[in-house]
Each structure stands twice: as C-alpha cells, then as structure tokens.
Amino acid sequence: MAAVFTDSNFDVEVLKADKLSVIDFWAPWCGPCLALGPTIDALSKDYEGKVNVGKVNVDENPNLSINYGVTSIPCVLFIKDGQVVDKQVGAAPKNVFDKKIQKILGL
C-alpha cells in the first residue's frame, strides 16, 4: 500500500529521504485520480524498499500543492535529493511510471 504524505511529514518522509520518492497528488472527488490509485499501489509493491511511493490528498494538504505548483490532478512528482526530477500530469498506464522510475534510477 502506498504511503500517505502530509504537510507535516513531507519534509522528513520525502525531502530528506535517501531514495527516490514518487508522489501522487490526488483528491477523492477526482475520477482519474481514483483510476490511478491501483497503479500507485502496484508501484509501491513493485519498488518496496527501493522507491518511496505515496499519495498526497490535495484537499487535506493544500500547502504542498501550492509549494509544488500542482494545479491539475492527478499529478505525480518524482523527487530525488529534495528536488523534483520528473513529473506526470494526468493518469497514465503503469509502464509509463516504470520507465520514468527506471530512467531516474539508472536501471
């Protein structure tokens, strides 16, 4: 299951993490976000221990959305060493995320 990131734990769990973080910005009223949910959960299982995969509910954590300029959801940010290194706006098939993760990790 994907982790839950919030305004209060984002700094420690994502920005100070020693591995790549894949963060899905979503909301429960967003149809495409709900459709993407199982893909995010699958990525968290596939990359367990190697990649930090989680979700940010934009309604409950508005500061994160503002800080990262998230204006459309779903929006998946790829953060490594505290910096956004890639981004996927809109739902996409799992292989799109796999390719981005593998490219960032140099696999």
PDB file of N, CA and C in Angstrom:
ATOM      1  N   MET A   1       0.835  -1.193   0.000  1.00  0.00           N
ATOM      2  CA  MET A   1       0.000   0.000   0.000  1.00  0.00           C
ATOM      3  C   MET A   1       0.879   1.255   0.000  1.00  0.00           C
ATOM      4  N   ALA A   2       0.497   2.220  -0.773  1.00  0.00           N
ATOM      5  CA  ALA A   2       1.260   3.458  -0.867  1.00  0.00           C
ATOM      6  C   ALA A   2       1.203   4.215   0.457  1.00  0.00           C
ATOM      7  N   ALA A   3       2.283   4.924   0.754  1.00  0.00           N
ATOM      8  CA  ALA A   3       2.353   5.739   1.962  1.00  0.00           C
ATOM      9  C   ALA A   3       1.437   6.954   1.813  1.00  0.00           C
ATOM     10  N   VAL A   4       1.123   7.583   2.945  1.00  0.00           N
ATOM     11  CA  VAL A   4       0.330   8.811   2.936  1.00  0.00           C
ATOM     12  C   VAL A   4       1.249   9.944   3.384  1.00  0.00           C
ATOM     13  N   PHE A   5       1.439  10.902   2.488  1.00  0.00           N
ATOM     14  CA  PHE A   5       2.278  12.053   2.810  1.00  0.00           C
ATOM     15  C   PHE A   5       1.381  13.246   3.115  1.00  0.00           C
ATOM     16  N   THR A   6       1.791  14.043   4.092  1.00  0.00           N
ATOM     17  CA  THR A   6       1.006  15.200   4.527  1.00  0.00           C
ATOM     18  C   THR A   6       1.912  16.412   4.662  1.00  0.00           C
ATOM     19  N   ASP A   7       1.295  17.570   4.892  1.00  0.00           N
ATOM     20  CA  ASP A   7       2.066  18.790   5.127  1.00  0.00           C
ATOM     21  C   ASP A   7       3.065  18.575   6.268  1.00  0.00           C
ATOM     22  N   SER A   8       2.670  17.795   7.273  1.00  0.00           N
ATOM     23  CA  SER A   8       3.522  17.636   8.454  1.00  0.00           C
ATOM     24  C   SER A   8       4.638  16.603   8.306  1.00  0.00           C
ATOM     25  N   ASN A   9       4.465  15.568   7.473  1.00  0.00           N
ATOM     26  CA  ASN A   9       5.520  14.547   7.372  1.00  0.00           C
ATOM     27  C   ASN A   9       6.312  14.602   6.062  1.00  0.00           C
ATOM     28  N   PHE A  10       5.946  15.481   5.146  1.00  0.00           N
ATOM     29  CA  PHE A  10       6.551  15.527   3.816  1.00  0.00           C
ATOM     30  C   PHE A  10       8.057  15.805   3.874  1.00  0.00           C
ATOM     31  N   ASP A  11       8.447  16.739   4.726  1.00  0.00           N
ATOM     32  CA  ASP A  11       9.856  17.108   4.813  1.00  0.00           C
ATOM     33  C   ASP A  11      10.722  15.904   5.180  1.00  0.00           C
ATOM     34  N   VAL A  12      10.315  15.178   6.209  1.00  0.00           N
ATOM     35  CA  VAL A  12      11.101  14.029   6.674  1.00  0.00           C
ATOM     36  C   VAL A  12      10.961  12.831   5.737  1.00  0.00           C
ATOM     37  N   GLU A  13       9.741  12.509   5.352  1.00  0.00           N
ATOM     38  CA  GLU A  13       9.474  11.302   4.570  1.00  0.00           C
ATOM     39  C   GLU A  13       9.905  11.405   3.103  1.00  0.00           C
ATOM     40  N   VAL A  14       9.886  12.611   2.543  1.00  0.00           N
ATOM     41  CA  VAL A  14      10.183  12.779   1.113  1.00  0.00           C
ATOM     42  C   VAL A  14      11.464  13.572   0.879  1.00  0.00           C
ATOM     43  N   LEU A  15      11.505  14.803   1.371  1.00  0.00           N
ATOM     44  CA  LEU A  15      12.632  15.682   1.058  1.00  0.00           C
ATOM     45  C   LEU A  15      13.945  15.200   1.668  1.00  0.00           C
ATOM     46  N   LYS A  16      13.885  14.569   2.837  1.00  0.00           N
ATOM     47  CA  LYS A  16      15.110  14.090   3.481  1.00  0.00           C
ATOM     48  C   LYS A  16      15.328  12.595   3.270  1.00  0.00           C
ATOM     49  N   ALA A  17      14.502  11.977   2.449  1.00  0.00           N
ATOM     50  CA  ALA A  17      14.638  10.541   2.167  1.00  0.00           C
ATOM     51  C   ALA A  17      15.912  10.302   1.361  1.00  0.00           C
ATOM     52  N   ASP A  18      16.505   9.142   1.556  1.00  0.00           N
ATOM     53  CA  ASP A  18      17.737   8.812   0.838  1.00  0.00           C
ATOM     54  C   ASP A  18      17.464   8.050  -0.454  1.00  0.00           C
ATOM     55  N   LYS A  19      16.207   8.054  -0.878  1.00  0.00           N
ATOM     56  CA  LYS A  19      15.863   7.380  -2.127  1.00  0.00           C
ATOM     57  C   LYS A  19      14.837   8.194  -2.900  1.00  0.00           C
ATOM     58  N   LEU A  20      14.595   7.786  -4.122  1.00  0.00           N
ATOM     59  CA  LEU A  20      13.605   8.434  -4.972  1.00  0.00           C
ATOM     60  C   LEU A  20      12.223   8.335  -4.334  1.00  0.00           C
ATOM     61  N   SER A  21      11.470   9.438  -4.394  1.00  0.00           N
ATOM     62  CA  SER A  21      10.082   9.437  -3.933  1.00  0.00           C
ATOM     63  C   SER A  21       9.170   9.707  -5.121  1.00  0.00           C
ATOM     64  N   VAL A  22       8.098   8.917  -5.222  1.00  0.00           N
ATOM     65  CA  VAL A  22       7.093   9.085  -6.266  1.00  0.00           C
ATOM     66  C   VAL A  22       5.804   9.459  -5.538  1.00  0.00           C
ATOM     67  N   ILE A  23       5.331  10.692  -5.764  1.00  0.00           N
ATOM     68  CA  ILE A  23       4.198  11.205  -5.006  1.00  0.00           C
ATOM     69  C   ILE A  23       3.031  11.527  -5.916  1.00  0.00           C
ATOM     70  N   ASP A  24       1.906  10.895  -5.629  1.00  0.00           N
ATOM     71  CA  ASP A  24       0.665  11.100  -6.373  1.00  0.00           C
ATOM     72  C   ASP A  24      -0.169  12.153  -5.649  1.00  0.00           C
ATOM     73  N   PHE A  25      -0.339  13.323  -6.275  1.00  0.00           N
ATOM     74  CA  PHE A  25      -1.234  14.358  -5.749  1.00  0.00           C
ATOM     75  C   PHE A  25      -2.625  14.050  -6.287  1.00  0.00           C
ATOM     76  N   TRP A  26      -3.589  13.846  -5.399  1.00  0.00           N
ATOM     77  CA  TRP A  26      -4.905  13.362  -5.793  1.00  0.00           C
ATOM     78  C   TRP A  26      -5.984  13.956  -4.880  1.00  0.00           C
ATOM     79  N   ALA A  27      -7.244  13.670  -5.205  1.00  0.00           N
ATOM     80  CA  ALA A  27      -8.385  14.027  -4.366  1.00  0.00           C
ATOM     81  C   ALA A  27      -9.459  12.958  -4.532  1.00  0.00           C
ATOM     82  N   PRO A  28     -10.242  12.700  -3.483  1.00  0.00           N
ATOM     83  CA  PRO A  28     -11.249  11.640  -3.544  1.00  0.00           C
ATOM     84  C   PRO A  28     -12.394  11.914  -4.531  1.00  0.00           C
ATOM     85  N   TRP A  29     -12.587  13.156  -4.944  1.00  0.00           N
ATOM     86  CA  TRP A  29     -13.665  13.503  -5.880  1.00  0.00           C
ATOM     87  C   TRP A  29     -13.200  13.464  -7.337  1.00  0.00           C
ATOM     88  N   CYS A  30     -11.922  13.149  -7.557  1.00  0.00           N
ATOM     89  CA  CYS A  30     -11.321  13.173  -8.904  1.00  0.00           C
ATOM     90  C   CYS A  30     -11.343  11.773  -9.518  1.00  0.00           C
ATOM     91  N   GLY A  31     -12.160  11.577 -10.537  1.00  0.00           N
ATOM     92  CA  GLY A  31     -12.285  10.273 -11.194  1.00  0.00           C
ATOM     93  C   GLY A  31     -10.971   9.713 -11.713  1.00  0.00           C
ATOM     94  N   PRO A  32     -10.203  10.491 -12.501  1.00  0.00           N
ATOM     95  CA  PRO A  32      -8.919   9.981 -12.986  1.00  0.00           C
ATOM     96  C   PRO A  32      -7.956   9.638 -11.838  1.00  0.00           C
ATOM     97  N   CYS A  33      -8.042  10.393 -10.743  1.00  0.00           N
ATOM     98  CA  CYS A  33      -7.193  10.106  -9.578  1.00  0.00           C
ATOM     99  C   CYS A  33      -7.532   8.730  -9.002  1.00  0.00           C
ATOM    100  N   LEU A  34      -8.829   8.449  -8.889  1.00  0.00           N
ATOM    101  CA  LEU A  34      -9.264   7.155  -8.352  1.00  0.00           C
ATOM    102  C   LEU A  34      -8.843   6.021  -9.285  1.00  0.00           C
ATOM    103  N   ALA A  35      -8.885   6.280 -10.583  1.00  0.00           N
ATOM    104  CA  ALA A  35      -8.463   5.266 -11.554  1.00  0.00           C
ATOM    105  C   ALA A  35      -6.963   4.995 -11.451  1.00  0.00           C
ATOM    106  N   LEU A  36      -6.186   6.017 -11.101  1.00  0.00           N
ATOM    107  CA  LEU A  36      -4.735   5.879 -10.985  1.00  0.00           C
ATOM    108  C   LEU A  36      -4.322   5.192  -9.680  1.00  0.00           C
ATOM    109  N   GLY A  37      -5.185   5.222  -8.676  1.00  0.00           N
ATOM    110  CA  GLY A  37      -4.868   4.664  -7.358  1.00  0.00           C
ATOM    111  C   GLY A  37      -4.274   3.263  -7.371  1.00  0.00           C
ATOM    112  N   PRO A  38      -4.898   2.294  -8.065  1.00  0.00           N
ATOM    113  CA  PRO A  38      -4.335   0.939  -8.089  1.00  0.00           C
ATOM    114  C   PRO A  38      -2.941   0.876  -8.713  1.00  0.00           C
ATOM    115  N   THR A  39      -2.664   1.739  -9.675  1.00  0.00           N
ATOM    116  CA  THR A  39      -1.332   1.787 -10.291  1.00  0.00           C
ATOM    117  C   THR A  39      -0.297   2.249  -9.269  1.00  0.00           C
ATOM    118  N   ILE A  40      -0.642   3.272  -8.503  1.00  0.00           N
ATOM    119  CA  ILE A  40       0.270   3.785  -7.476  1.00  0.00           C
ATOM    120  C   ILE A  40       0.520   2.708  -6.419  1.00  0.00           C
ATOM    121  N   ASP A  41      -0.535   2.009  -6.016  1.00  0.00           N
ATOM    122  CA  ASP A  41      -0.377   0.916  -5.042  1.00  0.00           C
ATOM    123  C   ASP A  41       0.522  -0.192  -5.601  1.00  0.00           C
ATOM    124  N   ALA A  42       0.359  -0.514  -6.880  1.00  0.00           N
ATOM    125  CA  ALA A  42       1.186  -1.548  -7.517  1.00  0.00           C
ATOM    126  C   ALA A  42       2.656  -1.111  -7.559  1.00  0.00           C
ATOM    127  N   LEU A  43       2.888   0.161  -7.862  1.00  0.00           N
ATOM    128  CA  LEU A  43       4.265   0.668  -7.887  1.00  0.00           C
ATOM    129  C   LEU A  43       4.892   0.570  -6.499  1.00  0.00           C
ATOM    130  N   SER A  44       4.102   0.844  -5.460  1.00  0.00           N
ATOM    131  CA  SER A  44       4.644   0.782  -4.105  1.00  0.00           C
ATOM    132  C   SER A  44       5.056  -0.641  -3.750  1.00  0.00           C
ATOM    133  N   LYS A  45       4.325  -1.635  -4.262  1.00  0.00           N
ATOM    134  CA  LYS A  45       4.696  -3.035  -4.027  1.00  0.00           C
ATOM    135  C   LYS A  45       5.924  -3.419  -4.865  1.00  0.00           C
ATOM    136  N   ASP A  46       5.915  -3.032  -6.141  1.00  0.00           N
ATOM    137  CA  ASP A  46       6.999  -3.399  -7.057  1.00  0.00           C
ATOM    138  C   ASP A  46       8.350  -2.828  -6.627  1.00  0.00           C
ATOM    139  N   TYR A  47       8.333  -1.616  -6.063  1.00  0.00           N
ATOM    140  CA  TYR A  47       9.579  -0.937  -5.719  1.00  0.00           C
ATOM    141  C   TYR A  47       9.789  -0.820  -4.210  1.00  0.00           C
ATOM    142  N   GLU A  48       9.118  -1.664  -3.446  1.00  0.00           N
ATOM    143  CA  GLU A  48       9.222  -1.626  -1.988  1.00  0.00           C
ATOM    144  C   GLU A  48      10.683  -1.730  -1.556  1.00  0.00           C
ATOM    145  N   GLY A  49      11.088  -0.802  -0.684  1.00  0.00           N
ATOM    146  CA  GLY A  49      12.464  -0.781  -0.203  1.00  0.00           C
ATOM    147  C   GLY A  49      13.431  -0.037  -1.114  1.00  0.00           C
ATOM    148  N   LYS A  50      13.027   0.228  -2.354  1.00  0.00           N
ATOM    149  CA  LYS A  50      13.902   0.907  -3.308  1.00  0.00           C
ATOM    150  C   LYS A  50      13.423   2.322  -3.622  1.00  0.00           C
ATOM    151  N   VAL A  51      12.097   2.486  -3.668  1.00  0.00           N
ATOM    152  CA  VAL A  51      11.492   3.775  -4.006  1.00  0.00           C
ATOM    153  C   VAL A  51      10.388   4.065  -2.995  1.00  0.00           C
ATOM    154  N   ASN A  52      10.331   5.302  -2.573  1.00  0.00           N
ATOM    155  CA  ASN A  52       9.327   5.787  -1.633  1.00  0.00           C
ATOM    156  C   ASN A  52       8.086   6.172  -2.453  1.00  0.00           C
ATOM    157  N   VAL A  53       7.022   5.396  -2.410  1.00  0.00           N
ATOM    158  CA  VAL A  53       5.820   5.679  -3.208  1.00  0.00           C
ATOM    159  C   VAL A  53       4.680   6.053  -2.278  1.00  0.00           C
ATOM    160  N   GLY A  54       4.042   7.190  -2.556  1.00  0.00           N
ATOM    161  CA  GLY A  54       2.950   7.615  -1.683  1.00  0.00           C
ATOM    162  C   GLY A  54       2.019   8.605  -2.345  1.00  0.00           C
ATOM    163  N   LYS A  55       1.037   9.044  -1.550  1.00  0.00           N
ATOM    164  CA  LYS A  55      -0.016   9.923  -2.056  1.00  0.00           C
ATOM    165  C   LYS A  55      -0.178  11.138  -1.151  1.00  0.00           C
ATOM    166  N   VAL A  56      -0.577  12.247  -1.767  1.00  0.00           N
ATOM    167  CA  VAL A  56      -0.907  13.464  -1.046  1.00  0.00           C
ATOM    168  C   VAL A  56      -2.330  13.854  -1.439  1.00  0.00           C
ATOM    169  N   ASN A  57      -3.222  13.899  -0.459  1.00  0.00           N
ATOM    170  CA  ASN A  57      -4.587  14.366  -0.701  1.00  0.00           C
ATOM    171  C   ASN A  57      -4.530  15.895  -0.754  1.00  0.00           C
ATOM    172  N   VAL A  58      -4.811  16.473  -1.924  1.00  0.00           N
ATOM    173  CA  VAL A  58      -4.670  17.918  -2.110  1.00  0.00           C
ATOM    174  C   VAL A  58      -5.670  18.716  -1.272  1.00  0.00           C
ATOM    175  N   ASP A  59      -6.828  18.133  -0.976  1.00  0.00           N
ATOM    176  CA  ASP A  59      -7.816  18.829  -0.153  1.00  0.00           C
ATOM    177  C   ASP A  59      -7.347  18.960   1.293  1.00  0.00           C
ATOM    178  N   GLU A  60      -6.643  17.942   1.781  1.00  0.00           N
ATOM    179  CA  GLU A  60      -6.197  17.934   3.179  1.00  0.00           C
ATOM    180  C   GLU A  60      -4.822  18.568   3.359  1.00  0.00           C
ATOM    181  N   ASN A  61      -4.080  18.734   2.267  1.00  0.00           N
ATOM    182  CA  ASN A  61      -2.709  19.266   2.333  1.00  0.00           C
ATOM    183  C   ASN A  61      -2.480  20.334   1.268  1.00  0.00           C
ATOM    184  N   PRO A  62      -3.203  21.446   1.371  1.00  0.00           N
ATOM    185  CA  PRO A  62      -3.123  22.466   0.313  1.00  0.00           C
ATOM    186  C   PRO A  62      -1.749  23.114   0.184  1.00  0.00           C
ATOM    187  N   ASN A  63      -0.989  23.188   1.271  1.00  0.00           N
ATOM    188  CA  ASN A  63       0.328  23.844   1.197  1.00  0.00           C
ATOM    189  C   ASN A  63       1.265  23.119   0.245  1.00  0.00           C
ATOM    190  N   LEU A  64       1.230  21.789   0.244  1.00  0.00           N
ATOM    191  CA  LEU A  64       2.101  21.025  -0.654  1.00  0.00           C
ATOM    192  C   LEU A  64       1.744  21.287  -2.108  1.00  0.00           C
ATOM    193  N   SER A  65       0.450  21.335  -2.387  1.00  0.00           N
ATOM    194  CA  SER A  65       0.010  21.613  -3.763  1.00  0.00           C
ATOM    195  C   SER A  65       0.496  22.983  -4.218  1.00  0.00           C
ATOM    196  N   ILE A  66       0.368  23.956  -3.346  1.00  0.00           N
ATOM    197  CA  ILE A  66       0.798  25.318  -3.672  1.00  0.00           C
ATOM    198  C   ILE A  66       2.312  25.358  -3.862  1.00  0.00           C
ATOM    199  N   ASN A  67       3.053  24.764  -2.930  1.00  0.00           N
ATOM    200  CA  ASN A  67       4.516  24.788  -2.987  1.00  0.00           C
ATOM    201  C   ASN A  67       5.067  24.161  -4.263  1.00  0.00           C
ATOM    202  N   TYR A  68       4.378  23.123  -4.763  1.00  0.00           N
ATOM    203  CA  TYR A  68       4.868  22.424  -5.952  1.00  0.00           C
ATOM    204  C   TYR A  68       4.118  22.808  -7.224  1.00  0.00           C
ATOM    205  N   GLY A  69       3.272  23.820  -7.148  1.00  0.00           N
ATOM    206  CA  GLY A  69       2.578  24.315  -8.338  1.00  0.00           C
ATOM    207  C   GLY A  69       1.641  23.301  -8.966  1.00  0.00           C
ATOM    208  N   VAL A  70       1.061  22.445  -8.136  1.00  0.00           N
ATOM    209  CA  VAL A  70       0.136  21.433  -8.646  1.00  0.00           C
ATOM    210  C   VAL A  70      -1.223  22.103  -8.875  1.00  0.00           C
ATOM    211  N   THR A  71      -1.592  22.252 -10.151  1.00  0.00           N
ATOM    212  CA  THR A  71      -2.860  22.892 -10.490  1.00  0.00           C
ATOM    213  C   THR A  71      -3.835  21.921 -11.151  1.00  0.00           C
ATOM    214  N   SER A  72      -3.335  20.789 -11.613  1.00  0.00           N
ATOM    215  CA  SER A  72      -4.169  19.752 -12.220  1.00  0.00           C
ATOM    216  C   SER A  72      -3.846  18.426 -11.551  1.00  0.00           C
ATOM    217  N   ILE A  73      -4.889  17.659 -11.273  1.00  0.00           N
ATOM    218  CA  ILE A  73      -4.678  16.338 -10.682  1.00  0.00           C
ATOM    219  C   ILE A  73      -5.360  15.294 -11.544  1.00  0.00           C
ATOM    220  N   PRO A  74      -4.882  14.048 -11.541  1.00  0.00           N
ATOM    221  CA  PRO A  74      -3.719  13.604 -10.784  1.00  0.00           C
ATOM    222  C   PRO A  74      -2.425  14.184 -11.345  1.00  0.00           C
ATOM    223  N   CYS A  75      -1.492  14.416 -10.423  1.00  0.00           N
ATOM    224  CA  CYS A  75      -0.158  14.885 -10.779  1.00  0.00           C
ATOM    225  C   CYS A  75       0.825  14.075  -9.954  1.00  0.00           C
ATOM    226  N   VAL A  76       1.725  13.388 -10.614  1.00  0.00           N
ATOM    227  CA  VAL A  76       2.712  12.560  -9.918  1.00  0.00           C
ATOM    228  C   VAL A  76       4.077  13.225 -10.058  1.00  0.00           C
ATOM    229  N   LEU A  77       4.670  13.548  -8.904  1.00  0.00           N
ATOM    230  CA  LEU A  77       6.003  14.146  -8.889  1.00  0.00           C
ATOM    231  C   LEU A  77       7.032  13.093  -8.506  1.00  0.00           C
ATOM    232  N   PHE A  78       8.174  13.179  -9.144  1.00  0.00           N
ATOM    233  CA  PHE A  78       9.306  12.295  -8.842  1.00  0.00           C
ATOM    234  C   PHE A  78      10.357  13.181  -8.180  1.00  0.00           C
ATOM    235  N   ILE A  79      10.619  12.934  -6.901  1.00  0.00           N
ATOM    236  CA  ILE A  79      11.529  13.782  -6.126  1.00  0.00           C
ATOM    237  C   ILE A  79      12.722  12.964  -5.660  1.00  0.00           C
ATOM    238  N   LYS A  80      13.909  13.481  -5.968  1.00  0.00           N
ATOM    239  CA  LYS A  80      15.152  12.818  -5.549  1.00  0.00           C
ATOM    240  C   LYS A  80      16.072  13.887  -4.985  1.00  0.00           C
ATOM    241  N   ASP A  81      16.681  13.598  -3.850  1.00  0.00           N
ATOM    242  CA  ASP A  81      17.576  14.547  -3.179  1.00  0.00           C
ATOM    243  C   ASP A  81      16.897  15.899  -2.970  1.00  0.00           C
ATOM    244  N   GLY A  82      15.596  15.870  -2.639  1.00  0.00           N
ATOM    245  CA  GLY A  82      14.858  17.089  -2.332  1.00  0.00           C
ATOM    246  C   GLY A  82      14.418  17.900  -3.530  1.00  0.00           C
ATOM    247  N   GLN A  83      14.693  17.422  -4.745  1.00  0.00           N
ATOM    248  CA  GLN A  83      14.360  18.168  -5.963  1.00  0.00           C
ATOM    249  C   GLN A  83      13.411  17.372  -6.860  1.00  0.00           C
ATOM    250  N   VAL A  84      12.487  18.081  -7.514  1.00  0.00           N
ATOM    251  CA  VAL A  84      11.610  17.429  -8.494  1.00  0.00           C
ATOM    252  C   VAL A  84      12.454  17.122  -9.730  1.00  0.00           C
ATOM    253  N   VAL A  85      12.539  15.838 -10.084  1.00  0.00           N
ATOM    254  CA  VAL A  85      13.359  15.441 -11.236  1.00  0.00           C
ATOM    255  C   VAL A  85      12.505  14.996 -12.431  1.00  0.00           C
ATOM    256  N   ASP A  86      11.215  14.778 -12.198  1.00  0.00           N
ATOM    257  CA  ASP A  86      10.301  14.428 -13.285  1.00  0.00           C
ATOM    258  C   ASP A  86       8.875  14.623 -12.784  1.00  0.00           C
ATOM    259  N   LYS A  87       7.934  14.595 -13.742  1.00  0.00           N
ATOM    260  CA  LYS A  87       6.538  14.874 -13.408  1.00  0.00           C
ATOM    261  C   LYS A  87       5.644  14.211 -14.433  1.00  0.00           C
ATOM    262  N   GLN A  88       4.509  13.710 -13.985  1.00  0.00           N
ATOM    263  CA  GLN A  88       3.497  13.151 -14.885  1.00  0.00           C
ATOM    264  C   GLN A  88       2.156  13.764 -14.499  1.00  0.00           C
ATOM    265  N   VAL A  89       1.584  14.563 -15.399  1.00  0.00           N
ATOM    266  CA  VAL A  89       0.277  15.155 -15.138  1.00  0.00           C
ATOM    267  C   VAL A  89      -0.763  14.337 -15.878  1.00  0.00           C
ATOM    268  N   GLY A  90      -1.792  13.915 -15.162  1.00  0.00           N
ATOM    269  CA  GLY A  90      -2.845  13.091 -15.747  1.00  0.00           C
ATOM    270  C   GLY A  90      -2.553  11.614 -15.532  1.00  0.00           C
ATOM    271  N   ALA A  91      -3.601  10.832 -15.610  1.00  0.00           N
ATOM    272  CA  ALA A  91      -3.458   9.386 -15.443  1.00  0.00           C
ATOM    273  C   ALA A  91      -2.678   8.810 -16.616  1.00  0.00           C
ATOM    274  N   ALA A  92      -1.910   7.766 -16.333  1.00  0.00           N
ATOM    275  CA  ALA A  92      -1.128   7.100 -17.382  1.00  0.00           C
ATOM    276  C   ALA A  92      -1.004   5.626 -17.001  1.00  0.00           C
ATOM    277  N   PRO A  93      -0.709   4.765 -17.981  1.00  0.00           N
ATOM    278  CA  PRO A  93      -0.532   3.347 -17.673  1.00  0.00           C
ATOM    279  C   PRO A  93       0.714   3.115 -16.810  1.00  0.00           C
ATOM    280  N   LYS A  94       0.732   2.009 -16.118  1.00  0.00           N
ATOM    281  CA  LYS A  94       1.822   1.676 -15.198  1.00  0.00           C
ATOM    282  C   LYS A  94       3.180   1.693 -15.889  1.00  0.00           C
ATOM    283  N   ASN A  95       3.246   1.230 -17.139  1.00  0.00           N
ATOM    284  CA  ASN A  95       4.553   1.171 -17.806  1.00  0.00           C
ATOM    285  C   ASN A  95       5.184   2.553 -17.976  1.00  0.00           C
ATOM    286  N   VAL A  96       4.367   3.610 -18.059  1.00  0.00           N
ATOM    287  CA  VAL A  96       4.897   4.977 -18.159  1.00  0.00           C
ATOM    288  C   VAL A  96       5.661   5.319 -16.877  1.00  0.00           C
ATOM    289  N   PHE A  97       5.075   4.955 -15.738  1.00  0.00           N
ATOM    290  CA  PHE A  97       5.718   5.229 -14.455  1.00  0.00           C
ATOM    291  C   PHE A  97       6.957   4.351 -14.268  1.00  0.00           C
ATOM    292  N   ASP A  98       6.859   3.081 -14.675  1.00  0.00           N
ATOM    293  CA  ASP A  98       8.010   2.171 -14.593  1.00  0.00           C
ATOM    294  C   ASP A  98       9.203   2.741 -15.370  1.00  0.00           C
ATOM    295  N   LYS A  99       8.951   3.223 -16.581  1.00  0.00           N
ATOM    296  CA  LYS A  99      10.033   3.760 -17.415  1.00  0.00           C
ATOM    297  C   LYS A  99      10.675   4.986 -16.769  1.00  0.00           C
ATOM    298  N   LYS A 100       9.842   5.864 -16.216  1.00  0.00           N
ATOM    299  CA  LYS A 100      10.375   7.066 -15.566  1.00  0.00           C
ATOM    300  C   LYS A 100      11.219   6.695 -14.347  1.00  0.00           C
ATOM    301  N   ILE A 101      10.723   5.773 -13.539  1.00  0.00           N
ATOM    302  CA  ILE A 101      11.455   5.342 -12.334  1.00  0.00           C
ATOM    303  C   ILE A 101      12.771   4.702 -12.730  1.00  0.00           C
ATOM    304  N   GLN A 102      12.735   3.807 -13.701  1.00  0.00           N
ATOM    305  CA  GLN A 102      13.952   3.114 -14.120  1.00  0.00           C
ATOM    306  C   GLN A 102      14.973   4.084 -14.704  1.00  0.00           C
ATOM    307  N   LYS A 103      14.505   5.079 -15.444  1.00  0.00           N
ATOM    308  CA  LYS A 103      15.414   6.073 -16.014  1.00  0.00           C
ATOM    309  C   LYS A 103      16.093   6.882 -14.904  1.00  0.00           C
ATOM    310  N   ILE A 104      15.307   7.316 -13.927  1.00  0.00           N
ATOM    311  CA  ILE A 104      15.861   8.108 -12.819  1.00  0.00           C
ATOM    312  C   ILE A 104      16.850   7.271 -12.005  1.00  0.00           C
ATOM    313  N   LEU A 105      16.527   6.002 -11.792  1.00  0.00           N
ATOM    314  CA  LEU A 105      17.399   5.122 -11.000  1.00  0.00           C
ATOM    315  C   LEU A 105      18.588   4.598 -11.805  1.00  0.00           C
ATOM    316  N   GLY A 106      18.575   4.838 -13.111  1.00  0.00           N
ATOM    317  CA  GLY A 106      19.658   4.372 -13.965  1.00  0.00           C
ATOM    318  C   GLY A 106      19.650   2.870 -14.193  1.00  0.00           C
ATOM    319  N   LEU A 107      18.445   2.286 -14.235  1.00  0.00           N
ATOM    320  CA  LEU A 107      18.322   0.834 -14.450  1.00  0.00           C
ATOM    321  C   LEU A 107      18.179   0.487 -15.925  1.00  0.00           C
TER     322      LEU A 107
END
